[in-house]
């Protein structure tokens, strides 16, 4: 995954959200729930770490 840049969390109301889930459908459903209450930068894919269970999804949220 790309590193978190200072700009991603430079002001109150900005956040980086990391989700760990058993499958893509679960992670994307959680992202959709959060997108309904705040502005998010849509995550277009999940990642899987070899040898580790589940998947990872990271996106940026703006609560301002």
PDB file of N, CA and C in Angstrom:
ATOM      1  N   UNK A   1       0.830  -1.179   0.000  1.00  0.00           N
ATOM      2  CA  UNK A   1       0.000   0.000   0.000  1.00  0.00           C
ATOM      3  C   UNK A   1       0.872   1.238   0.000  1.00  0.00           C
ATOM      4  N   UNK A   2       0.329   2.289  -0.600  1.00  0.00           N
ATOM      5  CA  UNK A   2       1.050   3.552  -0.609  1.00  0.00           C
ATOM      6  C   UNK A   2       1.103   4.111   0.798  1.00  0.00           C
ATOM      7  N   UNK A   3       2.150   4.882   1.064  1.00  0.00           N
ATOM      8  CA  UNK A   3       2.275   5.480   2.389  1.00  0.00           C
ATOM      9  C   UNK A   3       1.273   6.623   2.552  1.00  0.00           C
ATOM     10  N   UNK A   4       0.971   6.946   3.804  1.00  0.00           N
ATOM     11  CA  UNK A   4       0.071   8.049   4.120  1.00  0.00           C
ATOM     12  C   UNK A   4       0.883   9.339   4.062  1.00  0.00           C
ATOM     13  N   UNK A   5       0.437  10.278   3.268  1.00  0.00           N
ATOM     14  CA  UNK A   5       1.120  11.565   3.142  1.00  0.00           C
ATOM     15  C   UNK A   5       0.539  12.559   4.135  1.00  0.00           C
ATOM     16  N   UNK A   6       1.345  13.543   4.521  1.00  0.00           N
ATOM     17  CA  UNK A   6       0.871  14.579   5.439  1.00  0.00           C
ATOM     18  C   UNK A   6      -0.408  15.233   4.934  1.00  0.00           C
ATOM     19  N   UNK A   7      -0.530  15.411   3.628  1.00  0.00           N
ATOM     20  CA  UNK A   7      -1.716  16.063   3.049  1.00  0.00           C
ATOM     21  C   UNK A   7      -2.991  15.280   3.324  1.00  0.00           C
ATOM     22  N   UNK A   8      -2.885  13.962   3.485  1.00  0.00           N
ATOM     23  CA  UNK A   8      -4.068  13.132   3.724  1.00  0.00           C
ATOM     24  C   UNK A   8      -4.705  13.417   5.083  1.00  0.00           C
ATOM     25  N   UNK A   9      -3.929  13.927   6.029  1.00  0.00           N
ATOM     26  CA  UNK A   9      -4.431  14.183   7.386  1.00  0.00           C
ATOM     27  C   UNK A   9      -3.989  15.565   7.875  1.00  0.00           C
ATOM     28  N   UNK A  10      -3.852  16.507   6.956  1.00  0.00           N
ATOM     29  CA  UNK A  10      -3.299  17.820   7.275  1.00  0.00           C
ATOM     30  C   UNK A  10      -4.230  18.709   8.081  1.00  0.00           C
ATOM     31  N   UNK A  11      -5.526  18.445   8.051  1.00  0.00           N
ATOM     32  CA  UNK A  11      -6.499  19.289   8.738  1.00  0.00           C
ATOM     33  C   UNK A  11      -7.476  18.424   9.519  1.00  0.00           C
ATOM     34  N   UNK A  12      -8.106  19.007  10.566  1.00  0.00           N
ATOM     35  CA  UNK A  12      -9.168  18.272  11.249  1.00  0.00           C
ATOM     36  C   UNK A  12     -10.269  17.914  10.248  1.00  0.00           C
ATOM     37  N   UNK A  13     -10.779  16.723  10.347  1.00  0.00           N
ATOM     38  CA  UNK A  13     -11.832  16.273   9.448  1.00  0.00           C
ATOM     39  C   UNK A  13     -11.342  15.398   8.315  1.00  0.00           C
ATOM     40  N   UNK A  14     -10.024  15.325   8.113  1.00  0.00           N
ATOM     41  CA  UNK A  14      -9.459  14.443   7.093  1.00  0.00           C
ATOM     42  C   UNK A  14      -8.971  13.167   7.761  1.00  0.00           C
ATOM     43  N   UNK A  15      -9.188  12.034   7.110  1.00  0.00           N
ATOM     44  CA  UNK A  15      -8.791  10.769   7.717  1.00  0.00           C
ATOM     45  C   UNK A  15      -8.403   9.752   6.654  1.00  0.00           C
ATOM     46  N   UNK A  16      -7.570   8.814   7.043  1.00  0.00           N
ATOM     47  CA  UNK A  16      -7.265   7.641   6.241  1.00  0.00           C
ATOM     48  C   UNK A  16      -7.945   6.474   6.942  1.00  0.00           C
ATOM     49  N   UNK A  17      -8.763   5.741   6.202  1.00  0.00           N
ATOM     50  CA  UNK A  17      -9.519   4.630   6.770  1.00  0.00           C
ATOM     51  C   UNK A  17      -8.956   3.326   6.217  1.00  0.00           C
ATOM     52  N   UNK A  18      -8.582   2.430   7.099  1.00  0.00           N
ATOM     53  CA  UNK A  18      -8.072   1.123   6.692  1.00  0.00           C
ATOM     54  C   UNK A  18      -9.049   0.053   7.180  1.00  0.00           C
ATOM     55  N   UNK A  19      -9.437  -0.823   6.275  1.00  0.00           N
ATOM     56  CA  UNK A  19     -10.390  -1.885   6.603  1.00  0.00           C
ATOM     57  C   UNK A  19      -9.711  -3.228   6.367  1.00  0.00           C
ATOM     58  N   UNK A  20      -9.882  -4.119   7.300  1.00  0.00           N
ATOM     59  CA  UNK A  20      -9.465  -5.513   7.124  1.00  0.00           C
ATOM     60  C   UNK A  20     -10.736  -6.340   7.183  1.00  0.00           C
ATOM     61  N   UNK A  21     -10.946  -7.208   6.195  1.00  0.00           N
ATOM     62  CA  UNK A  21     -12.173  -7.999   6.131  1.00  0.00           C
ATOM     63  C   UNK A  21     -11.874  -9.373   5.544  1.00  0.00           C
ATOM     64  N   UNK A  22     -12.838 -10.258   5.670  1.00  0.00           N
ATOM     65  CA  UNK A  22     -12.661 -11.611   5.164  1.00  0.00           C
ATOM     66  C   UNK A  22     -12.730 -11.670   3.640  1.00  0.00           C
ATOM     67  N   UNK A  23     -13.501 -10.734   3.021  1.00  0.00           N
ATOM     68  CA  UNK A  23     -13.666 -10.792   1.572  1.00  0.00           C
ATOM     69  C   UNK A  23     -13.908  -9.398   0.991  1.00  0.00           C
ATOM     70  N   UNK A  24     -13.814  -9.300  -0.329  1.00  0.00           N
ATOM     71  CA  UNK A  24     -13.996  -8.029  -1.018  1.00  0.00           C
ATOM     72  C   UNK A  24     -15.374  -7.435  -0.776  1.00  0.00           C
ATOM     73  N   UNK A  25     -16.412  -8.263  -0.849  1.00  0.00           N
ATOM     74  CA  UNK A  25     -17.784  -7.764  -0.707  1.00  0.00           C
ATOM     75  C   UNK A  25     -17.991  -7.075   0.643  1.00  0.00           C
ATOM     76  N   UNK A  26     -17.457  -7.634   1.694  1.00  0.00           N
ATOM     77  CA  UNK A  26     -17.603  -7.041   3.028  1.00  0.00           C
ATOM     78  C   UNK A  26     -16.873  -5.708   3.112  1.00  0.00           C
ATOM     79  N   UNK A  27     -15.640  -5.666   2.659  1.00  0.00           N
ATOM     80  CA  UNK A  27     -14.850  -4.434   2.717  1.00  0.00           C
ATOM     81  C   UNK A  27     -15.501  -3.328   1.898  1.00  0.00           C
ATOM     82  N   UNK A  28     -15.979  -3.656   0.696  1.00  0.00           N
ATOM     83  CA  UNK A  28     -16.600  -2.650  -0.162  1.00  0.00           C
ATOM     84  C   UNK A  28     -17.947  -2.188   0.397  1.00  0.00           C
ATOM     85  N   UNK A  29     -18.668  -3.066   1.076  1.00  0.00           N
ATOM     86  CA  UNK A  29     -19.931  -2.673   1.709  1.00  0.00           C
ATOM     87  C   UNK A  29     -19.684  -1.687   2.843  1.00  0.00           C
ATOM     88  N   UNK A  30     -18.636  -1.899   3.603  1.00  0.00           N
ATOM     89  CA  UNK A  30     -18.285  -0.966   4.683  1.00  0.00           C
ATOM     90  C   UNK A  30     -17.876   0.378   4.101  1.00  0.00           C
ATOM     91  N   UNK A  31     -17.088   0.344   3.032  1.00  0.00           N
ATOM     92  CA  UNK A  31     -16.705   1.595   2.383  1.00  0.00           C
ATOM     93  C   UNK A  31     -17.947   2.357   1.911  1.00  0.00           C
ATOM     94  N   UNK A  32     -18.906   1.647   1.340  1.00  0.00           N
ATOM     95  CA  UNK A  32     -20.130   2.293   0.856  1.00  0.00           C
ATOM     96  C   UNK A  32     -20.921   2.919   2.003  1.00  0.00           C
ATOM     97  N   UNK A  33     -21.007   2.239   3.131  1.00  0.00           N
ATOM     98  CA  UNK A  33     -21.702   2.802   4.296  1.00  0.00           C
ATOM     99  C   UNK A  33     -21.051   4.108   4.752  1.00  0.00           C
ATOM    100  N   UNK A  34     -19.733   4.130   4.794  1.00  0.00           N
ATOM    101  CA  UNK A  34     -19.028   5.345   5.192  1.00  0.00           C
ATOM    102  C   UNK A  34     -19.182   6.448   4.144  1.00  0.00           C
ATOM    103  N   UNK A  35     -19.235   6.084   2.877  1.00  0.00           N
ATOM    104  CA  UNK A  35     -19.384   7.071   1.807  1.00  0.00           C
ATOM    105  C   UNK A  35     -20.732   7.778   1.878  1.00  0.00           C
ATOM    106  N   UNK A  36     -21.722   7.144   2.480  1.00  0.00           N
ATOM    107  CA  UNK A  36     -23.043   7.753   2.598  1.00  0.00           C
ATOM    108  C   UNK A  36     -23.075   8.890   3.618  1.00  0.00           C
ATOM    109  N   UNK A  37     -22.114   8.908   4.543  1.00  0.00           N
ATOM    110  CA  UNK A  37     -22.126   9.956   5.573  1.00  0.00           C
ATOM    111  C   UNK A  37     -20.997  10.968   5.426  1.00  0.00           C
ATOM    112  N   UNK A  38     -20.055  10.734   4.538  1.00  0.00           N
ATOM    113  CA  UNK A  38     -18.967  11.700   4.336  1.00  0.00           C
ATOM    114  C   UNK A  38     -18.410  11.542   2.925  1.00  0.00           C
ATOM    115  N   UNK A  39     -17.627  12.506   2.512  1.00  0.00           N
ATOM    116  CA  UNK A  39     -16.981  12.448   1.206  1.00  0.00           C
ATOM    117  C   UNK A  39     -15.792  11.500   1.300  1.00  0.00           C
ATOM    118  N   UNK A  40     -15.713  10.564   0.383  1.00  0.00           N
ATOM    119  CA  UNK A  40     -14.587   9.633   0.391  1.00  0.00           C
ATOM    120  C   UNK A  40     -13.943   9.581  -0.988  1.00  0.00           C
ATOM    121  N   UNK A  41     -12.674   9.276  -1.012  1.00  0.00           N
ATOM    122  CA  UNK A  41     -11.980   8.967  -2.258  1.00  0.00           C
ATOM    123  C   UNK A  41     -12.170   7.476  -2.461  1.00  0.00           C
ATOM    124  N   UNK A  42     -12.926   7.101  -3.464  1.00  0.00           N
ATOM    125  CA  UNK A  42     -13.293   5.709  -3.696  1.00  0.00           C
ATOM    126  C   UNK A  42     -12.068   4.824  -3.884  1.00  0.00           C
ATOM    127  N   UNK A  43     -12.059   3.721  -3.167  1.00  0.00           N
ATOM    128  CA  UNK A  43     -10.999   2.724  -3.329  1.00  0.00           C
ATOM    129  C   UNK A  43     -11.408   1.802  -4.472  1.00  0.00           C
ATOM    130  N   UNK A  44     -10.543   1.626  -5.442  1.00  0.00           N
ATOM    131  CA  UNK A  44     -10.919   0.832  -6.612  1.00  0.00           C
ATOM    132  C   UNK A  44     -10.508  -0.632  -6.532  1.00  0.00           C
ATOM    133  N   UNK A  45      -9.721  -0.970  -5.531  1.00  0.00           N
ATOM    134  CA  UNK A  45      -9.335  -2.382  -5.406  1.00  0.00           C
ATOM    135  C   UNK A  45      -8.908  -2.698  -3.980  1.00  0.00           C
ATOM    136  N   UNK A  46      -9.007  -3.965  -3.650  1.00  0.00           N
ATOM    137  CA  UNK A  46      -8.537  -4.445  -2.359  1.00  0.00           C
ATOM    138  C   UNK A  46      -7.156  -5.063  -2.563  1.00  0.00           C
ATOM    139  N   UNK A  47      -6.446  -5.277  -1.471  1.00  0.00           N
ATOM    140  CA  UNK A  47      -5.150  -5.943  -1.548  1.00  0.00           C
ATOM    141  C   UNK A  47      -5.172  -7.164  -0.638  1.00  0.00           C
ATOM    142  N   UNK A  48      -4.361  -8.114  -0.992  1.00  0.00           N
ATOM    143  CA  UNK A  48      -4.240  -9.350  -0.219  1.00  0.00           C
ATOM    144  C   UNK A  48      -2.763  -9.570   0.059  1.00  0.00           C
ATOM    145  N   UNK A  49      -2.424  -9.740   1.324  1.00  0.00           N
ATOM    146  CA  UNK A  49      -1.039 -10.005   1.697  1.00  0.00           C
ATOM    147  C   UNK A  49      -0.802 -11.513   1.667  1.00  0.00           C
ATOM    148  N   UNK A  50       0.167 -11.980   0.883  1.00  0.00           N
ATOM    149  CA  UNK A  50       0.440 -13.412   0.816  1.00  0.00           C
ATOM    150  C   UNK A  50       0.686 -14.000   2.208  1.00  0.00           C
ATOM    151  N   UNK A  51       0.041 -15.108   2.473  1.00  0.00           N
ATOM    152  CA  UNK A  51       0.217 -15.784   3.751  1.00  0.00           C
ATOM    153  C   UNK A  51      -0.626 -15.227   4.887  1.00  0.00           C
ATOM    154  N   UNK A  52      -1.326 -14.115   4.655  1.00  0.00           N
ATOM    155  CA  UNK A  52      -2.170 -13.497   5.677  1.00  0.00           C
ATOM    156  C   UNK A  52      -3.644 -13.721   5.323  1.00  0.00           C
ATOM    157  N   UNK A  53      -4.486 -13.914   6.333  1.00  0.00           N
ATOM    158  CA  UNK A  53      -5.902 -14.118   6.038  1.00  0.00           C
ATOM    159  C   UNK A  53      -6.593 -12.804   5.651  1.00  0.00           C
ATOM    160  N   UNK A  54      -7.635 -12.897   4.851  1.00  0.00           N
ATOM    161  CA  UNK A  54      -8.469 -11.749   4.526  1.00  0.00           C
ATOM    162  C   UNK A  54      -7.844 -10.785   3.538  1.00  0.00           C
ATOM    163  N   UNK A  55      -8.517  -9.647   3.393  1.00  0.00           N
ATOM    164  CA  UNK A  55      -8.081  -8.619   2.460  1.00  0.00           C
ATOM    165  C   UNK A  55      -7.972  -7.281   3.182  1.00  0.00           C
ATOM    166  N   UNK A  56      -7.381  -6.309   2.517  1.00  0.00           N
ATOM    167  CA  UNK A  56      -7.224  -4.963   3.068  1.00  0.00           C
ATOM    168  C   UNK A  56      -7.776  -3.965   2.055  1.00  0.00           C
ATOM    169  N   UNK A  57      -8.348  -2.890   2.579  1.00  0.00           N
ATOM    170  CA  UNK A  57      -8.863  -1.808   1.748  1.00  0.00           C
ATOM    171  C   UNK A  57      -8.563  -0.510   2.466  1.00  0.00           C
ATOM    172  N   UNK A  58      -8.028   0.465   1.746  1.00  0.00           N
ATOM    173  CA  UNK A  58      -7.727   1.748   2.375  1.00  0.00           C
ATOM    174  C   UNK A  58      -8.245   2.862   1.475  1.00  0.00           C
ATOM    175  N   UNK A  59      -8.850   3.880   2.116  1.00  0.00           N
ATOM    176  CA  UNK A  59      -9.330   5.028   1.359  1.00  0.00           C
ATOM    177  C   UNK A  59      -9.280   6.253   2.247  1.00  0.00           C
ATOM    178  N   UNK A  60      -9.522   7.395   1.641  1.00  0.00           N
ATOM    179  CA  UNK A  60      -9.429   8.673   2.341  1.00  0.00           C
ATOM    180  C   UNK A  60     -10.831   9.245   2.537  1.00  0.00           C
ATOM    181  N   UNK A  61     -11.070   9.829   3.708  1.00  0.00           N
ATOM    182  CA  UNK A  61     -12.371  10.405   4.027  1.00  0.00           C
ATOM    183  C   UNK A  61     -12.226  11.866   4.419  1.00  0.00           C
ATOM    184  N   UNK A  62     -13.220  12.654   4.035  1.00  0.00           N
ATOM    185  CA  UNK A  62     -13.263  14.073   4.351  1.00  0.00           C
ATOM    186  C   UNK A  62     -14.564  14.342   5.082  1.00  0.00           C
ATOM    187  N   UNK A  63     -14.495  14.591   6.385  1.00  0.00           N
ATOM    188  CA  UNK A  63     -15.685  14.817   7.199  1.00  0.00           C
ATOM    189  C   UNK A  63     -16.077  16.291   7.280  1.00  0.00           C
ATOM    190  N   UNK A  64     -15.283  17.148   6.640  1.00  0.00           N
ATOM    191  CA  UNK A  64     -15.561  18.591   6.730  1.00  0.00           C
ATOM    192  C   UNK A  64     -16.834  18.974   6.030  1.00  0.00           C
TER     193      UNK A  64
END
